[in-house]
Amino acid sequence: MSAPAKVITGIRTVSVPVNDQDQALRFFVDTLGFTVVRDMPIPTGRWIELAPGSDDVVVTLDQATGDVTRGSIIIRFTTDDAAAAHAALTDAGVDTDDIIAWPGVPPMFAFRDPDGNTFSITEP
């Protein structure tokens, strides 16, 4: 049996379910500093793509439906300085957890968007 061809070569998009796309867009752009890659109407509503840094991976803000649960997403964003990122988000009124600083593990903390989706920010 030969080795399988590489079918998956990376991650392009991570989708986040949101109740209000305008509110979510303001949060991700104005509070988190994301860049709008694409914001356009589609037959089912609106397609919004955002880049947290480079556009190697983008985040989409998908209109949530009743059968989609919001909450723990577990996307780990990166930052050069977890303490500075934590202070900036806390000062902006974002719901943040304390910074975790375990020996041998990069500093990290969790935060929530206005829809209650949970994310993490970690130093590389």
N, C-alpha and C. Protein backbone atom coordinates (compact mmCIF):
# COMPACT_ATOMS: atom_id res chain seq x y z
N MET A 1 0.84 -1.18 0.00
CA MET A 1 0.00 0.00 0.00
C MET A 1 0.89 1.24 0.00
N SER A 2 0.64 2.15 -0.92
CA SER A 2 1.45 3.36 -1.00
C SER A 2 0.92 4.43 -0.05
N ALA A 3 1.77 5.38 0.24
CA ALA A 3 1.37 6.48 1.12
C ALA A 3 0.30 7.31 0.41
N PRO A 4 -0.70 7.79 1.16
CA PRO A 4 -1.75 8.59 0.53
C PRO A 4 -1.21 9.95 0.09
N ALA A 5 -1.82 10.47 -0.97
CA ALA A 5 -1.46 11.82 -1.42
C ALA A 5 -1.86 12.81 -0.35
N LYS A 6 -1.14 13.91 -0.28
CA LYS A 6 -1.46 14.95 0.69
C LYS A 6 -2.75 15.63 0.25
N VAL A 7 -3.84 15.34 0.94
CA VAL A 7 -5.14 15.88 0.57
C VAL A 7 -5.34 17.25 1.20
N ILE A 8 -4.99 17.40 2.45
CA ILE A 8 -5.14 18.67 3.16
C ILE A 8 -3.76 19.28 3.32
N THR A 9 -3.62 20.52 2.90
CA THR A 9 -2.30 21.15 2.93
C THR A 9 -2.22 22.36 3.84
N GLY A 10 -3.32 22.71 4.51
CA GLY A 10 -3.30 23.86 5.39
C GLY A 10 -4.70 24.24 5.81
N ILE A 11 -4.80 25.36 6.49
CA ILE A 11 -6.10 25.89 6.91
C ILE A 11 -6.24 27.27 6.27
N ARG A 12 -7.34 27.50 5.60
CA ARG A 12 -7.58 28.79 4.97
C ARG A 12 -8.50 29.66 5.81
N THR A 13 -9.60 29.07 6.31
CA THR A 13 -10.63 29.86 6.97
C THR A 13 -11.11 29.17 8.23
N VAL A 14 -11.32 29.96 9.27
CA VAL A 14 -11.96 29.51 10.50
C VAL A 14 -13.23 30.34 10.62
N SER A 15 -14.38 29.67 10.77
CA SER A 15 -15.64 30.39 10.84
C SER A 15 -16.10 30.57 12.27
N VAL A 16 -16.58 31.76 12.57
CA VAL A 16 -17.08 32.09 13.89
C VAL A 16 -18.56 32.45 13.76
N PRO A 17 -19.45 31.73 14.47
CA PRO A 17 -20.87 32.07 14.39
C PRO A 17 -21.17 33.29 15.25
N VAL A 18 -21.87 34.26 14.65
CA VAL A 18 -22.20 35.50 15.37
C VAL A 18 -23.67 35.84 15.16
N ASN A 19 -24.27 36.48 16.14
CA ASN A 19 -25.67 36.89 16.04
C ASN A 19 -25.83 38.16 15.23
N ASP A 20 -24.90 39.08 15.35
CA ASP A 20 -24.99 40.39 14.69
C ASP A 20 -23.66 40.64 13.98
N GLN A 21 -23.64 40.50 12.67
CA GLN A 21 -22.39 40.64 11.93
C GLN A 21 -21.79 42.03 12.04
N ASP A 22 -22.62 43.07 12.09
CA ASP A 22 -22.07 44.43 12.23
C ASP A 22 -21.37 44.61 13.56
N GLN A 23 -22.00 44.14 14.65
CA GLN A 23 -21.38 44.23 15.98
C GLN A 23 -20.09 43.42 16.02
N ALA A 24 -20.12 42.21 15.47
CA ALA A 24 -18.93 41.36 15.46
C ALA A 24 -17.82 41.99 14.63
N LEU A 25 -18.18 42.57 13.50
CA LEU A 25 -17.18 43.23 12.65
C LEU A 25 -16.50 44.37 13.40
N ARG A 26 -17.28 45.20 14.09
CA ARG A 26 -16.69 46.29 14.89
C ARG A 26 -15.75 45.72 15.96
N PHE A 27 -16.17 44.65 16.65
CA PHE A 27 -15.33 44.06 17.70
C PHE A 27 -14.01 43.56 17.12
N PHE A 28 -14.07 42.77 16.06
CA PHE A 28 -12.85 42.17 15.51
C PHE A 28 -11.94 43.22 14.86
N VAL A 29 -12.50 44.25 14.25
CA VAL A 29 -11.68 45.27 13.59
C VAL A 29 -11.25 46.36 14.58
N ASP A 30 -12.21 46.96 15.27
CA ASP A 30 -11.90 48.10 16.14
C ASP A 30 -11.21 47.69 17.44
N THR A 31 -11.61 46.55 18.02
CA THR A 31 -11.05 46.14 19.31
C THR A 31 -9.84 45.24 19.16
N LEU A 32 -9.91 44.27 18.22
CA LEU A 32 -8.82 43.30 18.07
C LEU A 32 -7.81 43.70 17.00
N GLY A 33 -8.16 44.65 16.13
CA GLY A 33 -7.22 45.12 15.12
C GLY A 33 -7.14 44.26 13.87
N PHE A 34 -8.15 43.44 13.61
CA PHE A 34 -8.15 42.63 12.39
C PHE A 34 -8.34 43.53 11.17
N THR A 35 -7.95 43.05 10.00
CA THR A 35 -8.12 43.75 8.74
C THR A 35 -9.24 43.08 7.94
N VAL A 36 -10.11 43.88 7.34
CA VAL A 36 -11.16 43.32 6.50
C VAL A 36 -10.55 42.89 5.17
N VAL A 37 -10.68 41.61 4.86
CA VAL A 37 -10.20 41.08 3.59
C VAL A 37 -11.32 41.15 2.55
N ARG A 38 -12.53 40.82 2.99
CA ARG A 38 -13.68 40.79 2.09
C ARG A 38 -14.94 41.01 2.90
N ASP A 39 -15.85 41.85 2.42
CA ASP A 39 -17.15 42.07 3.04
C ASP A 39 -18.13 42.32 1.90
N MET A 40 -18.93 41.31 1.59
CA MET A 40 -19.79 41.42 0.42
C MET A 40 -21.08 40.64 0.60
N PRO A 41 -22.14 41.06 -0.09
CA PRO A 41 -23.38 40.31 0.00
C PRO A 41 -23.27 38.98 -0.75
N ILE A 42 -23.95 37.97 -0.22
CA ILE A 42 -24.06 36.67 -0.88
C ILE A 42 -25.54 36.29 -0.85
N PRO A 43 -25.95 35.31 -1.63
CA PRO A 43 -27.38 34.96 -1.67
C PRO A 43 -28.01 34.64 -0.32
N THR A 44 -27.21 34.14 0.61
CA THR A 44 -27.76 33.80 1.93
C THR A 44 -27.51 34.88 2.98
N GLY A 45 -26.98 36.03 2.59
CA GLY A 45 -26.73 37.10 3.56
C GLY A 45 -25.50 37.91 3.24
N ARG A 46 -24.42 37.65 3.97
CA ARG A 46 -23.21 38.47 3.87
C ARG A 46 -21.99 37.60 4.13
N TRP A 47 -20.92 37.80 3.37
CA TRP A 47 -19.68 37.07 3.55
C TRP A 47 -18.62 38.05 4.03
N ILE A 48 -18.11 37.81 5.25
CA ILE A 48 -17.09 38.69 5.84
C ILE A 48 -15.86 37.85 6.15
N GLU A 49 -14.72 38.25 5.59
CA GLU A 49 -13.44 37.61 5.89
C GLU A 49 -12.53 38.65 6.54
N LEU A 50 -11.86 38.24 7.61
CA LEU A 50 -10.95 39.11 8.34
C LEU A 50 -9.61 38.43 8.52
N ALA A 51 -8.54 39.20 8.50
CA ALA A 51 -7.20 38.66 8.73
C ALA A 51 -6.66 39.22 10.05
N PRO A 52 -6.18 38.33 10.94
CA PRO A 52 -5.60 38.80 12.19
C PRO A 52 -4.18 39.35 12.01
N GLY A 53 -3.52 38.95 10.96
CA GLY A 53 -2.15 39.40 10.67
C GLY A 53 -1.96 39.23 9.19
N SER A 54 -1.16 38.24 8.82
CA SER A 54 -1.07 37.93 7.39
C SER A 54 -2.39 37.29 6.99
N ASP A 55 -2.63 37.21 5.70
CA ASP A 55 -3.90 36.60 5.29
C ASP A 55 -3.74 35.12 4.94
N ASP A 56 -2.76 34.45 5.57
CA ASP A 56 -2.61 33.01 5.37
C ASP A 56 -3.83 32.26 5.87
N VAL A 57 -4.37 32.69 6.98
CA VAL A 57 -5.60 32.13 7.54
C VAL A 57 -6.52 33.31 7.82
N VAL A 58 -7.77 33.19 7.42
CA VAL A 58 -8.73 34.25 7.68
C VAL A 58 -9.84 33.74 8.57
N VAL A 59 -10.50 34.66 9.24
CA VAL A 59 -11.65 34.36 10.09
C VAL A 59 -12.88 34.89 9.38
N THR A 60 -13.92 34.06 9.27
CA THR A 60 -15.18 34.54 8.71
C THR A 60 -16.18 34.73 9.84
N LEU A 61 -17.01 35.75 9.72
CA LEU A 61 -18.07 36.01 10.69
C LEU A 61 -19.37 35.54 10.07
N ASP A 62 -19.76 34.31 10.39
CA ASP A 62 -20.94 33.69 9.80
C ASP A 62 -22.18 33.99 10.62
N GLN A 63 -23.24 34.39 9.92
CA GLN A 63 -24.51 34.63 10.59
C GLN A 63 -24.95 33.33 11.26
N ALA A 64 -25.11 33.37 12.56
CA ALA A 64 -25.50 32.17 13.31
C ALA A 64 -26.96 31.83 13.03
N THR A 65 -27.24 30.55 13.09
CA THR A 65 -28.61 30.07 12.98
C THR A 65 -28.98 29.42 14.29
N GLY A 66 -30.23 29.10 14.47
CA GLY A 66 -30.69 28.52 15.73
C GLY A 66 -30.02 27.21 16.09
N ASP A 67 -29.54 26.46 15.12
CA ASP A 67 -28.93 25.16 15.41
C ASP A 67 -27.42 25.25 15.62
N VAL A 68 -26.85 26.46 15.60
CA VAL A 68 -25.42 26.64 15.82
C VAL A 68 -25.20 27.13 17.24
N THR A 69 -24.34 26.42 17.96
CA THR A 69 -24.04 26.80 19.34
C THR A 69 -22.87 27.77 19.37
N ARG A 70 -23.03 28.86 20.10
CA ARG A 70 -21.94 29.77 20.31
C ARG A 70 -21.27 29.43 21.64
N GLY A 71 -20.02 29.73 21.75
CA GLY A 71 -19.33 29.41 23.00
C GLY A 71 -17.87 29.12 22.75
N SER A 72 -17.41 27.96 23.13
CA SER A 72 -16.00 27.61 23.08
C SER A 72 -15.56 27.29 21.65
N ILE A 73 -14.83 28.18 21.04
CA ILE A 73 -14.34 28.00 19.67
C ILE A 73 -12.93 27.39 19.70
N ILE A 74 -12.11 27.80 20.62
CA ILE A 74 -10.73 27.37 20.80
C ILE A 74 -9.87 27.66 19.56
N ILE A 75 -9.90 28.90 19.13
CA ILE A 75 -8.92 29.39 18.16
C ILE A 75 -7.85 30.07 19.00
N ARG A 76 -6.61 29.71 18.77
CA ARG A 76 -5.51 30.32 19.50
C ARG A 76 -4.81 31.32 18.60
N PHE A 77 -5.06 32.60 18.86
CA PHE A 77 -4.37 33.66 18.14
C PHE A 77 -3.01 33.86 18.80
N THR A 78 -2.08 34.49 18.10
CA THR A 78 -0.76 34.74 18.66
C THR A 78 -0.54 36.23 18.88
N THR A 79 0.37 36.51 19.80
CA THR A 79 0.79 37.88 20.09
C THR A 79 2.26 37.84 20.50
N ASP A 80 2.94 38.94 20.32
CA ASP A 80 4.33 39.03 20.77
C ASP A 80 4.43 39.27 22.26
N ASP A 81 3.36 39.82 22.87
CA ASP A 81 3.39 40.19 24.28
C ASP A 81 2.01 39.95 24.90
N ALA A 82 1.84 38.82 25.57
CA ALA A 82 0.55 38.46 26.15
C ALA A 82 0.10 39.46 27.20
N ALA A 83 1.01 39.97 27.99
CA ALA A 83 0.64 40.92 29.04
C ALA A 83 0.10 42.22 28.43
N ALA A 84 0.77 42.72 27.38
CA ALA A 84 0.31 43.94 26.73
C ALA A 84 -1.03 43.72 26.03
N ALA A 85 -1.20 42.57 25.38
CA ALA A 85 -2.46 42.26 24.71
C ALA A 85 -3.59 42.14 25.73
N HIS A 86 -3.30 41.49 26.85
CA HIS A 86 -4.29 41.34 27.92
C HIS A 86 -4.70 42.71 28.46
N ALA A 87 -3.74 43.57 28.71
CA ALA A 87 -4.04 44.91 29.24
C ALA A 87 -4.88 45.71 28.24
N ALA A 88 -4.53 45.64 26.95
CA ALA A 88 -5.26 46.39 25.94
C ALA A 88 -6.71 45.92 25.82
N LEU A 89 -6.91 44.60 25.82
CA LEU A 89 -8.27 44.08 25.70
C LEU A 89 -9.08 44.36 26.96
N THR A 90 -8.46 44.20 28.11
CA THR A 90 -9.15 44.48 29.38
C THR A 90 -9.55 45.96 29.44
N ASP A 91 -8.63 46.86 29.04
CA ASP A 91 -8.92 48.29 29.02
C ASP A 91 -10.06 48.63 28.05
N ALA A 92 -10.20 47.82 26.98
CA ALA A 92 -11.25 48.04 25.99
C ALA A 92 -12.58 47.43 26.43
N GLY A 93 -12.60 46.83 27.63
CA GLY A 93 -13.84 46.27 28.15
C GLY A 93 -14.14 44.86 27.69
N VAL A 94 -13.16 44.19 27.09
CA VAL A 94 -13.35 42.81 26.64
C VAL A 94 -13.33 41.88 27.84
N ASP A 95 -14.19 40.87 27.82
CA ASP A 95 -14.25 39.86 28.88
C ASP A 95 -13.05 38.94 28.74
N THR A 96 -12.05 39.13 29.61
CA THR A 96 -10.81 38.35 29.56
C THR A 96 -10.62 37.55 30.83
N ASP A 97 -9.93 36.42 30.71
CA ASP A 97 -9.50 35.64 31.86
C ASP A 97 -8.10 36.09 32.26
N ASP A 98 -7.64 35.64 33.41
CA ASP A 98 -6.28 35.93 33.84
C ASP A 98 -5.28 35.27 32.90
N ILE A 99 -4.08 35.81 32.86
CA ILE A 99 -3.01 35.21 32.06
C ILE A 99 -2.54 33.94 32.76
N ILE A 100 -2.42 32.88 31.99
CA ILE A 100 -1.87 31.61 32.50
C ILE A 100 -0.37 31.65 32.25
N ALA A 101 0.41 31.40 33.27
CA ALA A 101 1.87 31.40 33.14
C ALA A 101 2.41 30.14 33.80
N TRP A 102 2.26 29.01 33.11
CA TRP A 102 2.76 27.73 33.62
C TRP A 102 4.21 27.55 33.21
N PRO A 103 5.05 26.98 34.06
CA PRO A 103 6.45 26.76 33.70
C PRO A 103 6.57 25.94 32.40
N GLY A 104 7.38 26.46 31.47
CA GLY A 104 7.63 25.75 30.22
C GLY A 104 6.55 25.91 29.16
N VAL A 105 5.48 26.66 29.47
CA VAL A 105 4.38 26.86 28.53
C VAL A 105 4.29 28.36 28.24
N PRO A 106 4.07 28.74 26.98
CA PRO A 106 3.98 30.17 26.67
C PRO A 106 2.82 30.83 27.41
N PRO A 107 2.98 32.10 27.82
CA PRO A 107 1.88 32.82 28.46
C PRO A 107 0.67 32.90 27.52
N MET A 108 -0.52 32.75 28.11
CA MET A 108 -1.74 32.79 27.30
C MET A 108 -2.92 33.21 28.16
N PHE A 109 -3.99 33.65 27.51
CA PHE A 109 -5.22 33.95 28.22
C PHE A 109 -6.39 33.79 27.27
N ALA A 110 -7.55 33.58 27.82
CA ALA A 110 -8.77 33.45 27.04
C ALA A 110 -9.55 34.76 27.08
N PHE A 111 -10.36 34.98 26.05
CA PHE A 111 -11.28 36.12 26.02
C PHE A 111 -12.52 35.74 25.25
N ARG A 112 -13.57 36.53 25.41
CA ARG A 112 -14.83 36.26 24.74
C ARG A 112 -15.27 37.45 23.91
N ASP A 113 -15.89 37.15 22.76
CA ASP A 113 -16.46 38.21 21.93
C ASP A 113 -17.87 38.53 22.42
N PRO A 114 -18.53 39.53 21.84
CA PRO A 114 -19.88 39.90 22.31
C PRO A 114 -20.91 38.78 22.20
N ASP A 115 -20.66 37.76 21.35
CA ASP A 115 -21.58 36.62 21.23
C ASP A 115 -21.29 35.52 22.23
N GLY A 116 -20.24 35.67 23.03
CA GLY A 116 -19.88 34.64 24.00
C GLY A 116 -18.94 33.59 23.45
N ASN A 117 -18.48 33.75 22.20
CA ASN A 117 -17.48 32.82 21.65
C ASN A 117 -16.17 33.03 22.39
N THR A 118 -15.50 31.94 22.74
CA THR A 118 -14.26 32.00 23.51
C THR A 118 -13.07 31.76 22.61
N PHE A 119 -12.03 32.58 22.78
CA PHE A 119 -10.79 32.47 22.02
C PHE A 119 -9.62 32.53 22.99
N SER A 120 -8.43 32.27 22.49
CA SER A 120 -7.23 32.35 23.31
C SER A 120 -6.17 33.16 22.56
N ILE A 121 -5.35 33.85 23.32
CA ILE A 121 -4.19 34.54 22.76
C ILE A 121 -2.96 33.98 23.47
N THR A 122 -1.98 33.56 22.66
CA THR A 122 -0.78 32.89 23.17
C THR A 122 0.46 33.50 22.56
N GLU A 123 1.50 33.66 23.37
CA GLU A 123 2.80 34.04 22.80
C GLU A 123 3.35 32.84 22.07
N PRO A 124 4.09 33.09 20.97
CA PRO A 124 4.66 31.95 20.21
C PRO A 124 5.70 31.20 21.01
